[in-house]
Structure formats: structure tokens, C-alpha cells
Amino acid sequence: MKFSSKIAAALVTVALAPAAFAQQIVSDFASGAEGWSVEEMQVRGVTFLYQGGNGSGGTSAMCFSVAGCMPAIFDRTNVGAYAPTWAASGGASSGYISRTDPGAFFMAFKAGSEFLGNLSAYAGGNLSFAQSVLTPGSLGTHTSQFVGLQSGANGPAIYFAFGGSAPAQGGWTNYSTTLSLANALVLNASTGAFSAADATTFANVLANVTDFRISAEWYPASSSEVIGLDSVALTAVTAVPEPGTYALMGLGLVAVGALKRRRALKAG
């Protein structure tokens, strides 16, 4: 096989171009619950969780807005931890997990160890998942939901809102949010006010995530809702050459060397 100078140059040029590949953490629940659990929590120390936005004191798990539901994920007292129900088929892709709302408090899916630790590489990446309402009939007013990440048992937490519309009943709805500083929120537990996360808190939480939750309390007035979760994927795109790229570059360099030697022989 003869290589022209143009072909050799093209091989080197293509090889030197950055080849992007997706670094991912995925739970597709194809063979089990993959370490995920469900926790129900009672909100503590927050007085603005009643419908209408202002409470008269005490605590409540009845959340009717993004701002109302978000504090429950970490400003809470755990009422109970439960194993989700796993099904091998019927999910958005294959298997899925689900849970009937255990009671009158706040329910969330809690990720396993695969989604914990240093997630700094996923800053600016995408978190996507699918949820389904598996309960037939009317469940009342729905509310938006969120993803929460915390660093340390009593450490800082950041929140990402998602889901203006409830999942399809009997079907699957895909949600996604970008784990960017622009989307991150922090909560002032004393005032109940949310504000944009600062760069330091955002970086520190992602560097040591010890708790990763996706809320599932779509219908806070109902204690009979059954929520399914599937296709959880955390994706970061990094421009790093793949192994095949190095092989292609080597082939190009060999071709260039061979052409140079041939020209030298001809000139001699």
C-alpha cells in the first residue's frame, strides 16, 4: 500500500484533533437496585412549607413549591429508610426501581456509593433520569422537584431544580439538569431563603459528595403515590484522546517517515 504525502498529513491531522468521549456514572437498574434506597423525612426547623408560602410555626412536610420542598432533603429528621421495589422490565430502558410513598412525609431516592465521592469532573456536566407515576387515578396538585448533593453529615449542600410537570402516569418522563454553578442554589436554613451558590461552596460540595438524592414527592397531599426511577446518568464530556487516536497518529507518523526516506533515496 502506498501512502501519498496528503494521506499521511491527513492521518496526523485527524489524530491530533481532540477526540471527546463521555465519562459517565450510570444506574440503569438492569440487574437490581444498584445500591439505591428510599428515605422518608420530616422537615425540621423550617416554617414556610405550608401551602401559600407562609406557615405559622412548627414543621410540615406538605410542600407545594420548589422553595417549599427543597429544604426537606437535608434540613430534616429521617423518619425511615426503605428498600425500593425492583422490576426487571417495564422501565424507560429495561429495569427500574419504585416505591409507594411510605407515609405523610417527604420521599426521596438516595443514590448508592457509585454516585458519591469526588464528582468535580462532572461540574458543568449533565444529570439525567426518568421518573414515572405508577399510581392510577387523580392524586391532586403536583409540585416541582429537585436534586440535592451534600458534603458531610452537617455540611454544605447544593440544589438543582427540575420538573415543572409531573411524570406521566403509567409512562416515563425524562428529566435533566446541568450541574453548573449558574444552576446551583444554596439554602439559608434560618430564613428559608434560597440564593445562588458561590463558587467555593459549589466546588467544595462536588469535591466530596456524601449524599446524593433525587426527590420523589410529586403529590405531597397524597400518601398513596407510587414513583418509579430509571436511567440515572451523570455525564461529563472531556476532550481526551481515545486509544484508537494514538494508533491513528502512529500510523500517520510512520507514513510520513517512510515518505521522507523514499525521497532521500531518490535524491541520493
C-alpha atoms as a PDB file:
ATOM      1  CA  MET A   1       0.000   0.000   0.000  1.00  0.00           C
ATOM      2  CA  LYS A   2       1.427   3.385  -1.000  1.00  0.00           C
ATOM      3  CA  PHE A   3       0.896   6.480   1.081  1.00  0.00           C
ATOM      4  CA  SER A   4       0.845   9.904  -0.526  1.00  0.00           C
ATOM      5  CA  SER A   5       2.073  12.916   1.409  1.00  0.00           C
ATOM      6  CA  LYS A   6      -1.511  14.223   1.574  1.00  0.00           C
ATOM      7  CA  ILE A   7      -2.825  10.990   3.096  1.00  0.00           C
ATOM      8  CA  ALA A   8      -0.035  10.887   5.668  1.00  0.00           C
ATOM      9  CA  ALA A   9      -0.603  14.515   6.615  1.00  0.00           C
ATOM     10  CA  ALA A  10      -4.339  13.904   6.918  1.00  0.00           C
ATOM     11  CA  LEU A  11      -3.794  10.952   9.269  1.00  0.00           C
ATOM     12  CA  VAL A  12      -1.621  13.040  11.564  1.00  0.00           C
ATOM     13  CA  THR A  13      -4.045  15.981  11.479  1.00  0.00           C
ATOM     14  CA  VAL A  14      -7.063  13.819  12.332  1.00  0.00           C
ATOM     15  CA  ALA A  15      -5.155  12.053  15.094  1.00  0.00           C
ATOM     16  CA  LEU A  16      -4.041  15.297  16.700  1.00  0.00           C
ATOM     17  CA  ALA A  17      -7.595  16.639  16.814  1.00  0.00           C
ATOM     18  CA  PRO A  18      -9.054  16.097  20.338  1.00  0.00           C
ATOM     19  CA  ALA A  19     -11.423  13.147  20.469  1.00  0.00           C
ATOM     20  CA  ALA A  20     -14.174  13.711  23.028  1.00  0.00           C
ATOM     21  CA  PHE A  21     -15.624  10.807  24.963  1.00  0.00           C
ATOM     22  CA  ALA A  22     -18.285  10.776  27.622  1.00  0.00           C
ATOM     23  CA  GLN A  23     -17.256   9.979  31.180  1.00  0.00           C
ATOM     24  CA  GLN A  24     -20.387   8.619  32.835  1.00  0.00           C
ATOM     25  CA  ILE A  25     -21.841   7.193  36.003  1.00  0.00           C
ATOM     26  CA  VAL A  26     -24.984   5.247  35.169  1.00  0.00           C
ATOM     27  CA  SER A  27     -27.716   3.373  37.031  1.00  0.00           C
ATOM     28  CA  ASP A  28     -29.966   1.613  34.530  1.00  0.00           C
ATOM     29  CA  PHE A  29     -31.308  -0.907  37.076  1.00  0.00           C
ATOM     30  CA  ALA A  30     -30.928  -3.732  34.576  1.00  0.00           C
ATOM     31  CA  SER A  31     -29.991  -6.263  37.246  1.00  0.00           C
ATOM     32  CA  GLY A  32     -31.093  -4.759  40.562  1.00  0.00           C
ATOM     33  CA  ALA A  33     -31.442  -1.646  42.702  1.00  0.00           C
ATOM     34  CA  GLU A  34     -27.696  -0.891  42.392  1.00  0.00           C
ATOM     35  CA  GLY A  35     -27.359   0.427  45.931  1.00  0.00           C
ATOM     36  CA  TRP A  36     -30.209   2.943  45.740  1.00  0.00           C
ATOM     37  CA  SER A  37     -32.591   3.300  48.676  1.00  0.00           C
ATOM     38  CA  VAL A  38     -35.604   5.402  49.630  1.00  0.00           C
ATOM     39  CA  GLU A  39     -35.813   7.673  52.657  1.00  0.00           C
ATOM     40  CA  GLU A  40     -38.765   9.477  54.125  1.00  0.00           C
ATOM     41  CA  MET A  41     -38.005  12.651  56.005  1.00  0.00           C
ATOM     42  CA  GLN A  42     -39.817  15.051  58.264  1.00  0.00           C
ATOM     43  CA  VAL A  43     -38.829  18.647  57.757  1.00  0.00           C
ATOM     44  CA  ARG A  44     -37.456  20.370  60.821  1.00  0.00           C
ATOM     45  CA  GLY A  45     -36.820  23.994  61.696  1.00  0.00           C
ATOM     46  CA  VAL A  46     -38.461  25.492  58.591  1.00  0.00           C
ATOM     47  CA  THR A  47     -41.684  27.463  58.885  1.00  0.00           C
ATOM     48  CA  PHE A  48     -42.515  28.296  55.256  1.00  0.00           C
ATOM     49  CA  LEU A  49     -43.563  24.887  53.965  1.00  0.00           C
ATOM     50  CA  TYR A  50     -47.321  25.289  54.182  1.00  0.00           C
ATOM     51  CA  GLN A  51     -49.406  25.884  51.075  1.00  0.00           C
ATOM     52  CA  GLY A  52     -49.436  29.567  50.326  1.00  0.00           C
ATOM     53  CA  GLY A  53     -45.812  30.034  51.310  1.00  0.00           C
ATOM     54  CA  ASN A  54     -46.091  31.126  54.949  1.00  0.00           C
ATOM     55  CA  GLY A  55     -46.564  28.909  57.980  1.00  0.00           C
ATOM     56  CA  SER A  56     -47.493  29.823  61.493  1.00  0.00           C
ATOM     57  CA  GLY A  57     -44.636  27.876  63.020  1.00  0.00           C
ATOM     58  CA  GLY A  58     -43.689  24.284  63.601  1.00  0.00           C
ATOM     59  CA  THR A  59     -42.899  21.948  60.751  1.00  0.00           C
ATOM     60  CA  SER A  60     -44.710  20.380  57.848  1.00  0.00           C
ATOM     61  CA  ALA A  61     -43.946  18.015  55.009  1.00  0.00           C
ATOM     62  CA  MET A  62     -46.645  19.495  52.785  1.00  0.00           C
ATOM     63  CA  CYS A  63     -44.574  21.150  50.050  1.00  0.00           C
ATOM     64  CA  PHE A  64     -46.311  22.991  47.234  1.00  0.00           C
ATOM     65  CA  SER A  65     -43.467  24.833  45.533  1.00  0.00           C
ATOM     66  CA  VAL A  66     -39.811  24.371  44.611  1.00  0.00           C
ATOM     67  CA  ALA A  67     -38.804  26.595  47.501  1.00  0.00           C
ATOM     68  CA  GLY A  68     -41.127  24.694  49.811  1.00  0.00           C
ATOM     69  CA  CYS A  69     -39.825  21.234  49.007  1.00  0.00           C
ATOM     70  CA  MET A  70     -36.125  21.807  48.648  1.00  0.00           C
ATOM     71  CA  PRO A  71     -35.185  22.171  52.347  1.00  0.00           C
ATOM     72  CA  ALA A  72     -36.646  18.791  53.147  1.00  0.00           C
ATOM     73  CA  ILE A  73     -33.769  16.907  51.573  1.00  0.00           C
ATOM     74  CA  PHE A  74     -31.152  17.939  54.125  1.00  0.00           C
ATOM     75  CA  ASP A  75     -32.894  20.110  56.727  1.00  0.00           C
ATOM     76  CA  ARG A  76     -34.773  17.121  58.021  1.00  0.00           C
ATOM     77  CA  THR A  77     -35.222  14.332  60.512  1.00  0.00           C
ATOM     78  CA  ASN A  78     -35.189  10.910  58.884  1.00  0.00           C
ATOM     79  CA  VAL A  79     -38.443   9.088  59.542  1.00  0.00           C
ATOM     80  CA  GLY A  80     -37.418   5.849  57.883  1.00  0.00           C
ATOM     81  CA  ALA A  81     -35.236   4.157  55.280  1.00  0.00           C
ATOM     82  CA  TYR A  82     -36.731   1.660  52.862  1.00  0.00           C
ATOM     83  CA  ALA A  83     -35.620  -0.707  50.151  1.00  0.00           C
ATOM     84  CA  PRO A  84     -37.114   0.147  46.767  1.00  0.00           C
ATOM     85  CA  THR A  85     -39.021  -2.400  44.720  1.00  0.00           C
ATOM     86  CA  TRP A  86     -37.038  -3.564  41.701  1.00  0.00           C
ATOM     87  CA  ALA A  87     -38.609  -4.695  38.425  1.00  0.00           C
ATOM     88  CA  ALA A  88     -36.600  -6.326  35.655  1.00  0.00           C
ATOM     89  CA  SER A  89     -38.681  -4.780  32.875  1.00  0.00           C
ATOM     90  CA  GLY A  90     -41.172  -2.029  32.221  1.00  0.00           C
ATOM     91  CA  GLY A  91     -38.809   0.886  32.841  1.00  0.00           C
ATOM     92  CA  ALA A  92     -37.731   3.650  30.495  1.00  0.00           C
ATOM     93  CA  SER A  93     -34.960   1.364  29.207  1.00  0.00           C
ATOM     94  CA  SER A  94     -35.210  -2.017  30.932  1.00  0.00           C
ATOM     95  CA  GLY A  95     -35.436  -2.428  34.700  1.00  0.00           C
ATOM     96  CA  TYR A  96     -36.431   0.236  37.210  1.00  0.00           C
ATOM     97  CA  ILE A  97     -36.953   0.855  40.913  1.00  0.00           C
ATOM     98  CA  SER A  98     -40.060   2.223  42.605  1.00  0.00           C
ATOM     99  CA  ARG A  99     -41.580   2.887  45.971  1.00  0.00           C
ATOM    100  CA  THR A 100     -45.025   3.538  47.357  1.00  0.00           C
ATOM    101  CA  ASP A 101     -44.975   6.710  49.431  1.00  0.00           C
ATOM    102  CA  PRO A 102     -44.350   5.319  52.949  1.00  0.00           C
ATOM    103  CA  GLY A 103     -46.425   7.961  54.696  1.00  0.00           C
ATOM    104  CA  ALA A 104     -47.285  11.617  55.113  1.00  0.00           C
ATOM    105  CA  PHE A 105     -43.733  12.920  54.994  1.00  0.00           C
ATOM    106  CA  PHE A 106     -41.178  13.662  52.282  1.00  0.00           C
ATOM    107  CA  MET A 107     -39.865  10.889  49.997  1.00  0.00           C
ATOM    108  CA  ALA A 108     -36.605  10.857  48.026  1.00  0.00           C
ATOM    109  CA  PHE A 109     -34.456   8.305  46.176  1.00  0.00           C
ATOM    110  CA  LYS A 110     -30.973   8.105  47.696  1.00  0.00           C
ATOM    111  CA  ALA A 111     -28.069   7.124  45.448  1.00  0.00           C
ATOM    112  CA  GLY A 112     -25.583   4.380  46.192  1.00  0.00           C
ATOM    113  CA  SER A 113     -21.836   4.760  46.562  1.00  0.00           C
ATOM    114  CA  GLU A 114     -21.227   4.952  42.811  1.00  0.00           C
ATOM    115  CA  PHE A 115     -22.609   8.496  42.782  1.00  0.00           C
ATOM    116  CA  LEU A 116     -20.627   9.628  45.832  1.00  0.00           C
ATOM    117  CA  GLY A 117     -17.106  10.901  46.333  1.00  0.00           C
ATOM    118  CA  ASN A 118     -15.221  13.399  44.201  1.00  0.00           C
ATOM    119  CA  LEU A 119     -17.549  14.488  41.394  1.00  0.00           C
ATOM    120  CA  SER A 120     -15.519  17.553  40.399  1.00  0.00           C
ATOM    121  CA  ALA A 121     -15.069  16.146  36.900  1.00  0.00           C
ATOM    122  CA  TYR A 122     -18.832  16.450  36.412  1.00  0.00           C
ATOM    123  CA  ALA A 123     -19.022  20.195  37.085  1.00  0.00           C
ATOM    124  CA  GLY A 124     -20.837  21.594  34.094  1.00  0.00           C
ATOM    125  CA  GLY A 125     -21.967  18.092  33.128  1.00  0.00           C
ATOM    126  CA  ASN A 126     -25.469  16.746  32.819  1.00  0.00           C
ATOM    127  CA  LEU A 127     -27.593  14.728  35.216  1.00  0.00           C
ATOM    128  CA  SER A 128     -30.478  12.937  33.541  1.00  0.00           C
ATOM    129  CA  PHE A 129     -33.021  10.389  34.731  1.00  0.00           C
ATOM    130  CA  ALA A 130     -36.562   9.203  34.132  1.00  0.00           C
ATOM    131  CA  GLN A 131     -39.453   9.072  36.578  1.00  0.00           C
ATOM    132  CA  SER A 132     -42.940   7.656  36.355  1.00  0.00           C
ATOM    133  CA  VAL A 133     -46.122   7.933  38.394  1.00  0.00           C
ATOM    134  CA  LEU A 134     -47.265   4.336  38.653  1.00  0.00           C
ATOM    135  CA  THR A 135     -50.437   5.137  40.601  1.00  0.00           C
ATOM    136  CA  PRO A 136     -53.708   5.332  38.661  1.00  0.00           C
ATOM    137  CA  GLY A 137     -56.318   7.982  39.291  1.00  0.00           C
ATOM    138  CA  SER A 138     -56.186  11.568  40.491  1.00  0.00           C
ATOM    139  CA  LEU A 139     -53.531  12.467  43.048  1.00  0.00           C
ATOM    140  CA  GLY A 140     -54.194  16.179  43.462  1.00  0.00           C
ATOM    141  CA  THR A 141     -51.841  19.107  42.891  1.00  0.00           C
ATOM    142  CA  HIS A 142     -48.286  18.289  41.891  1.00  0.00           C
ATOM    143  CA  THR A 143     -45.146  20.225  42.722  1.00  0.00           C
ATOM    144  CA  SER A 144     -41.740  20.677  41.131  1.00  0.00           C
ATOM    145  CA  GLN A 145     -38.847  18.601  42.418  1.00  0.00           C
ATOM    146  CA  PHE A 146     -35.063  18.795  42.848  1.00  0.00           C
ATOM    147  CA  VAL A 147     -31.725  17.052  43.051  1.00  0.00           C
ATOM    148  CA  GLY A 148     -29.669  17.656  46.173  1.00  0.00           C
ATOM    149  CA  LEU A 149     -25.989  16.997  46.870  1.00  0.00           C
ATOM    150  CA  GLN A 150     -24.433  17.327  50.307  1.00  0.00           C
ATOM    151  CA  SER A 151     -20.874  17.165  51.622  1.00  0.00           C
ATOM    152  CA  GLY A 152     -20.673  15.772  55.166  1.00  0.00           C
ATOM    153  CA  ALA A 153     -23.489  14.881  57.543  1.00  0.00           C
ATOM    154  CA  ASN A 154     -23.970  18.500  58.577  1.00  0.00           C
ATOM    155  CA  GLY A 155     -22.001  20.071  55.774  1.00  0.00           C
ATOM    156  CA  PRO A 156     -22.974  22.372  52.919  1.00  0.00           C
ATOM    157  CA  ALA A 157     -25.481  21.296  50.284  1.00  0.00           C
ATOM    158  CA  ILE A 158     -26.347  22.482  46.795  1.00  0.00           C
ATOM    159  CA  TYR A 159     -29.653  22.052  44.973  1.00  0.00           C
ATOM    160  CA  PHE A 160     -30.737  21.816  41.346  1.00  0.00           C
ATOM    161  CA  ALA A 161     -34.419  22.230  40.494  1.00  0.00           C
ATOM    162  CA  PHE A 162     -36.118  20.107  37.849  1.00  0.00           C
ATOM    163  CA  GLY A 163     -39.533  19.046  36.689  1.00  0.00           C
ATOM    164  CA  GLY A 164     -42.119  21.735  36.116  1.00  0.00           C
ATOM    165  CA  SER A 165     -44.528  18.971  35.132  1.00  0.00           C
ATOM    166  CA  ALA A 166     -45.217  15.714  36.939  1.00  0.00           C
ATOM    167  CA  PRO A 167     -44.150  12.440  35.304  1.00  0.00           C
ATOM    168  CA  ALA A 168     -46.595  10.696  33.026  1.00  0.00           C
ATOM    169  CA  GLN A 169     -48.932   8.311  34.788  1.00  0.00           C
ATOM    170  CA  GLY A 170     -48.191   4.823  33.539  1.00  0.00           C
ATOM    171  CA  GLY A 171     -45.389   6.129  31.313  1.00  0.00           C
ATOM    172  CA  TRP A 172     -41.927   7.626  31.717  1.00  0.00           C
ATOM    173  CA  THR A 173     -40.844  11.251  31.602  1.00  0.00           C
ATOM    174  CA  ASN A 174     -37.212  12.235  31.103  1.00  0.00           C
ATOM    175  CA  TYR A 175     -35.679  14.993  33.193  1.00  0.00           C
ATOM    176  CA  SER A 176     -32.271  16.595  33.080  1.00  0.00           C
ATOM    177  CA  THR A 177     -30.363  19.350  34.790  1.00  0.00           C
ATOM    178  CA  THR A 178     -26.910  20.787  34.273  1.00  0.00           C
ATOM    179  CA  LEU A 179     -24.621  20.604  37.317  1.00  0.00           C
ATOM    180  CA  SER A 180     -23.313  24.103  36.751  1.00  0.00           C
ATOM    181  CA  LEU A 181     -22.579  26.963  39.106  1.00  0.00           C
ATOM    182  CA  ALA A 182     -25.219  29.005  37.286  1.00  0.00           C
ATOM    183  CA  ASN A 183     -27.921  26.475  38.236  1.00  0.00           C
ATOM    184  CA  ALA A 184     -26.778  25.680  41.773  1.00  0.00           C
ATOM    185  CA  LEU A 185     -28.720  27.003  44.761  1.00  0.00           C
ATOM    186  CA  VAL A 186     -27.971  27.102  48.460  1.00  0.00           C
ATOM    187  CA  LEU A 187     -30.436  27.380  51.323  1.00  0.00           C
ATOM    188  CA  ASN A 188     -30.311  29.639  54.346  1.00  0.00           C
ATOM    189  CA  ALA A 189     -31.943  27.289  56.853  1.00  0.00           C
ATOM    190  CA  SER A 190     -32.629  30.138  59.277  1.00  0.00           C
ATOM    191  CA  THR A 191     -34.622  32.283  56.856  1.00  0.00           C
ATOM    192  CA  GLY A 192     -35.776  29.658  54.361  1.00  0.00           C
ATOM    193  CA  ALA A 193     -34.403  31.802  51.540  1.00  0.00           C
ATOM    194  CA  PHE A 194     -32.589  30.441  48.503  1.00  0.00           C
ATOM    195  CA  SER A 195     -29.777  32.160  46.686  1.00  0.00           C
ATOM    196  CA  ALA A 196     -27.223  31.364  44.016  1.00  0.00           C
ATOM    197  CA  ALA A 197     -24.411  29.146  45.237  1.00  0.00           C
ATOM    198  CA  ASP A 198     -20.976  30.710  45.400  1.00  0.00           C
ATOM    199  CA  ALA A 199     -18.077  29.160  43.517  1.00  0.00           C
ATOM    200  CA  THR A 200     -16.339  27.917  46.675  1.00  0.00           C
ATOM    201  CA  THR A 201     -19.372  26.055  48.049  1.00  0.00           C
ATOM    202  CA  PHE A 202     -20.138  24.608  44.626  1.00  0.00           C
ATOM    203  CA  ALA A 203     -16.589  23.302  44.223  1.00  0.00           C
ATOM    204  CA  ASN A 204     -16.306  22.006  47.798  1.00  0.00           C
ATOM    205  CA  VAL A 205     -19.550  20.017  47.642  1.00  0.00           C
ATOM    206  CA  LEU A 206     -18.698  18.406  44.300  1.00  0.00           C
ATOM    207  CA  ALA A 207     -15.230  17.512  45.586  1.00  0.00           C
ATOM    208  CA  ASN A 208     -16.702  15.362  48.385  1.00  0.00           C
ATOM    209  CA  VAL A 209     -20.324  14.311  47.825  1.00  0.00           C
ATOM    210  CA  THR A 210     -21.525  12.157  50.719  1.00  0.00           C
ATOM    211  CA  ASP A 211     -25.270  12.296  50.000  1.00  0.00           C
ATOM    212  CA  PHE A 212     -26.962  12.371  46.591  1.00  0.00           C
ATOM    213  CA  ARG A 213     -30.765  12.448  46.405  1.00  0.00           C
ATOM    214  CA  ILE A 214     -33.468  12.806  43.788  1.00  0.00           C
ATOM    215  CA  SER A 215     -36.765  13.869  45.292  1.00  0.00           C
ATOM    216  CA  ALA A 216     -39.939  11.954  44.532  1.00  0.00           C
ATOM    217  CA  GLU A 217     -42.681  13.731  46.465  1.00  0.00           C
ATOM    218  CA  TRP A 218     -44.645  14.861  43.426  1.00  0.00           C
ATOM    219  CA  TYR A 219     -48.019  14.792  45.156  1.00  0.00           C
ATOM    220  CA  PRO A 220     -47.485  15.928  48.758  1.00  0.00           C
ATOM    221  CA  ALA A 221     -51.173  15.713  49.596  1.00  0.00           C
ATOM    222  CA  SER A 222     -51.233  12.017  48.684  1.00  0.00           C
ATOM    223  CA  SER A 223     -49.770   9.155  50.666  1.00  0.00           C
ATOM    224  CA  SER A 224     -50.591   6.574  48.018  1.00  0.00           C
ATOM    225  CA  GLU A 225     -48.420   7.735  45.124  1.00  0.00           C
ATOM    226  CA  VAL A 226     -46.018   5.179  43.638  1.00  0.00           C
ATOM    227  CA  ILE A 227     -42.993   6.757  41.950  1.00  0.00           C
ATOM    228  CA  GLY A 228     -40.594   4.933  39.641  1.00  0.00           C
ATOM    229  CA  LEU A 229     -36.994   5.867  38.859  1.00  0.00           C
ATOM    230  CA  ASP A 230     -34.872   4.725  35.914  1.00  0.00           C
ATOM    231  CA  SER A 231     -31.965   5.642  33.634  1.00  0.00           C
ATOM    232  CA  VAL A 232     -29.983   7.813  36.032  1.00  0.00           C
ATOM    233  CA  ALA A 233     -26.873   9.124  34.270  1.00  0.00           C
ATOM    234  CA  LEU A 234     -24.267  11.665  35.321  1.00  0.00           C
ATOM    235  CA  THR A 235     -22.227  12.707  32.285  1.00  0.00           C
ATOM    236  CA  ALA A 236     -19.097  14.799  31.859  1.00  0.00           C
ATOM    237  CA  VAL A 237     -17.627  15.396  28.401  1.00  0.00           C
ATOM    238  CA  THR A 238     -13.848  15.576  28.396  1.00  0.00           C
ATOM    239  CA  ALA A 239     -11.648  16.139  25.352  1.00  0.00           C
ATOM    240  CA  VAL A 240      -9.192  13.289  25.877  1.00  0.00           C
ATOM    241  CA  PRO A 241      -7.725  11.156  23.077  1.00  0.00           C
ATOM    242  CA  GLU A 242      -9.066   7.628  22.894  1.00  0.00           C
ATOM    243  CA  PRO A 243      -6.639   4.693  22.432  1.00  0.00           C
ATOM    244  CA  GLY A 244      -7.554   4.433  18.749  1.00  0.00           C
ATOM    245  CA  THR A 245      -6.462   8.023  18.255  1.00  0.00           C
ATOM    246  CA  TYR A 246      -2.907   7.201  19.310  1.00  0.00           C
ATOM    247  CA  ALA A 247      -2.853   4.292  16.859  1.00  0.00           C
ATOM    248  CA  LEU A 248      -4.021   6.550  14.060  1.00  0.00           C
ATOM    249  CA  MET A 249      -1.395   9.150  14.898  1.00  0.00           C
ATOM    250  CA  GLY A 250       1.305   6.464  14.941  1.00  0.00           C
ATOM    251  CA  LEU A 251       0.240   5.231  11.524  1.00  0.00           C
ATOM    252  CA  GLY A 252       0.419   8.760  10.172  1.00  0.00           C
ATOM    253  CA  LEU A 253       3.883   9.346  11.609  1.00  0.00           C
ATOM    254  CA  VAL A 254       5.140   6.040  10.164  1.00  0.00           C
ATOM    255  CA  ALA A 255       3.813   7.059   6.764  1.00  0.00           C
ATOM    256  CA  VAL A 256       5.497  10.455   6.985  1.00  0.00           C
ATOM    257  CA  GLY A 257       8.790   8.798   7.938  1.00  0.00           C
ATOM    258  CA  ALA A 258       8.542   6.336   5.051  1.00  0.00           C
ATOM    259  CA  LEU A 259       7.910   9.127   2.571  1.00  0.00           C
ATOM    260  CA  LYS A 260      10.904  11.082   3.836  1.00  0.00           C
ATOM    261  CA  ARG A 261      13.178   8.047   3.497  1.00  0.00           C
ATOM    262  CA  ARG A 262      11.935   7.347  -0.018  1.00  0.00           C
ATOM    263  CA  ARG A 263      12.541  10.921  -1.069  1.00  0.00           C
ATOM    264  CA  ALA A 264      16.012  10.825   0.454  1.00  0.00           C
ATOM    265  CA  LEU A 265      16.861   7.666  -1.503  1.00  0.00           C
ATOM    266  CA  LYS A 266      15.626   9.209  -4.723  1.00  0.00           C
ATOM    267  CA  ALA A 267      17.652  12.360  -4.118  1.00  0.00           C
ATOM    268  CA  GLY A 268      20.743  10.262  -3.420  1.00  0.00           C
END
